[in-house]
Amino acid sequence: MKEDRYTSCNVQIFWTETVVDRVRIPLDATSVPDGRFTLDQTYNPPRADYAKVGDPPGNRFNSHFATCKKKGEK
């Protein structure tokens, strides 16, 4: 995982890979109770995995692709 700032909006994010296909995605640096992703700590560095029904709330993250306020602007 690499901490960074997203170029279009300058918001703090971190880059990680997904568990399933190892695609790099930016996650918002701040966790939210109902986020779509959890971090799988069995990998080094941790990878993003979809939150599953029954997972406890908290320590979840959203993809910055979904939350960026500047999405679609050039």
C-alpha atoms as a PDB file:
ATOM      1  CA  MET A   1       0.000   0.000   0.000  1.00  0.00           C
ATOM      2  CA  LYS A   2       1.229   3.443  -0.865  1.00  0.00           C
ATOM      3  CA  GLU A   3      -0.133   6.658   0.624  1.00  0.00           C
ATOM      4  CA  ASP A   4      -0.613   9.398  -1.922  1.00  0.00           C
ATOM      5  CA  ARG A   5      -2.812  12.330  -2.940  1.00  0.00           C
ATOM      6  CA  TYR A   6      -5.218  11.951  -5.835  1.00  0.00           C
ATOM      7  CA  THR A   7      -4.066  14.252  -8.632  1.00  0.00           C
ATOM      8  CA  SER A   8      -7.384  15.795  -9.698  1.00  0.00           C
ATOM      9  CA  CYS A   9      -8.741  16.660  -6.236  1.00  0.00           C
ATOM     10  CA  ASN A  10      -5.671  16.429  -3.950  1.00  0.00           C
ATOM     11  CA  VAL A  11      -7.518  14.204  -1.422  1.00  0.00           C
ATOM     12  CA  GLN A  12      -5.477  11.781   0.714  1.00  0.00           C
ATOM     13  CA  ILE A  13      -5.762   8.198  -0.630  1.00  0.00           C
ATOM     14  CA  PHE A  14      -3.774   5.005  -0.607  1.00  0.00           C
ATOM     15  CA  TRP A  15      -3.125   2.658  -3.482  1.00  0.00           C
ATOM     16  CA  THR A  16      -3.582  -1.067  -3.001  1.00  0.00           C
ATOM     17  CA  GLU A  17      -4.239  -4.175  -5.065  1.00  0.00           C
ATOM     18  CA  THR A  18      -7.453  -6.172  -5.052  1.00  0.00           C
ATOM     19  CA  VAL A  19      -7.405  -9.730  -3.693  1.00  0.00           C
ATOM     20  CA  VAL A  20      -9.097 -11.350  -6.694  1.00  0.00           C
ATOM     21  CA  ASP A  21      -7.244  -9.952  -9.683  1.00  0.00           C
ATOM     22  CA  ARG A  22      -4.505  -7.732  -8.192  1.00  0.00           C
ATOM     23  CA  VAL A  23      -5.763  -4.594  -9.948  1.00  0.00           C
ATOM     24  CA  ARG A  24      -4.421  -1.393  -8.360  1.00  0.00           C
ATOM     25  CA  ILE A  25      -7.160   0.848  -6.978  1.00  0.00           C
ATOM     26  CA  PRO A  26      -7.153   4.062  -4.941  1.00  0.00           C
ATOM     27  CA  LEU A  27      -8.999   3.833  -1.626  1.00  0.00           C
ATOM     28  CA  ASP A  28     -10.027   6.833   0.452  1.00  0.00           C
ATOM     29  CA  ALA A  29      -7.602   7.149   3.364  1.00  0.00           C
ATOM     30  CA  THR A  30     -10.425   7.604   5.879  1.00  0.00           C
ATOM     31  CA  SER A  31     -12.367   4.487   6.846  1.00  0.00           C
ATOM     32  CA  VAL A  32     -16.178   4.550   6.951  1.00  0.00           C
ATOM     33  CA  PRO A  33     -18.601   2.127   8.669  1.00  0.00           C
ATOM     34  CA  ASP A  34     -20.370   1.144   5.454  1.00  0.00           C
ATOM     35  CA  GLY A  35     -17.433   1.100   3.023  1.00  0.00           C
ATOM     36  CA  ARG A  36     -17.377  -1.373   0.161  1.00  0.00           C
ATOM     37  CA  PHE A  37     -13.853  -2.725   0.768  1.00  0.00           C
ATOM     38  CA  THR A  38     -12.008  -4.265   3.699  1.00  0.00           C
ATOM     39  CA  LEU A  39      -8.270  -4.839   3.910  1.00  0.00           C
ATOM     40  CA  ASP A  40      -7.134  -8.457   3.902  1.00  0.00           C
ATOM     41  CA  GLN A  41      -4.193  -8.471   6.306  1.00  0.00           C
ATOM     42  CA  THR A  42      -3.109 -12.000   5.304  1.00  0.00           C
ATOM     43  CA  TYR A  43      -1.265 -10.399   2.363  1.00  0.00           C
ATOM     44  CA  ASN A  44       1.853  -8.311   2.690  1.00  0.00           C
ATOM     45  CA  PRO A  45       1.093  -5.552   1.870  1.00  0.00           C
ATOM     46  CA  PRO A  46      -2.631  -5.827   2.647  1.00  0.00           C
ATOM     47  CA  ARG A  47      -5.004  -6.091  -0.327  1.00  0.00           C
ATOM     48  CA  ALA A  48      -8.533  -4.780  -0.836  1.00  0.00           C
ATOM     49  CA  ASP A  49     -11.378  -7.291  -0.773  1.00  0.00           C
ATOM     50  CA  TYR A  50     -15.114  -6.687  -1.083  1.00  0.00           C
ATOM     51  CA  ALA A  51     -16.865  -6.420   2.269  1.00  0.00           C
ATOM     52  CA  LYS A  52     -19.171  -9.400   2.725  1.00  0.00           C
ATOM     53  CA  VAL A  53     -22.584  -9.718   4.342  1.00  0.00           C
ATOM     54  CA  GLY A  54     -21.977 -10.426   8.008  1.00  0.00           C
ATOM     55  CA  ASP A  55     -18.611  -8.638   8.169  1.00  0.00           C
ATOM     56  CA  PRO A  56     -18.547  -6.283  11.153  1.00  0.00           C
ATOM     57  CA  PRO A  57     -19.026  -2.586  10.338  1.00  0.00           C
ATOM     58  CA  GLY A  58     -16.110  -0.220  10.592  1.00  0.00           C
ATOM     59  CA  ASN A  59     -12.598  -0.281   9.205  1.00  0.00           C
ATOM     60  CA  ARG A  60     -14.007  -0.311   5.689  1.00  0.00           C
ATOM     61  CA  PHE A  61     -12.983   1.868   2.798  1.00  0.00           C
ATOM     62  CA  ASN A  62     -14.503   3.206  -0.405  1.00  0.00           C
ATOM     63  CA  SER A  63     -12.841   3.364  -3.775  1.00  0.00           C
ATOM     64  CA  HIS A  64     -11.841   6.918  -4.514  1.00  0.00           C
ATOM     65  CA  PHE A  65     -13.156   6.366  -8.043  1.00  0.00           C
ATOM     66  CA  ALA A  66     -16.644   6.337  -6.469  1.00  0.00           C
ATOM     67  CA  THR A  67     -16.220   9.284  -4.077  1.00  0.00           C
ATOM     68  CA  CYS A  68     -14.054  11.793  -5.965  1.00  0.00           C
ATOM     69  CA  LYS A  69     -15.706  15.238  -5.990  1.00  0.00           C
ATOM     70  CA  LYS A  70     -13.862  16.154  -9.207  1.00  0.00           C
ATOM     71  CA  LYS A  71     -14.961  13.009 -11.101  1.00  0.00           C
ATOM     72  CA  GLY A  72     -15.595  13.833 -14.737  1.00  0.00           C
ATOM     73  CA  GLU A  73     -13.925  17.254 -14.620  1.00  0.00           C
ATOM     74  CA  LYS A  74     -10.939  18.054 -16.761  1.00  0.00           C
END
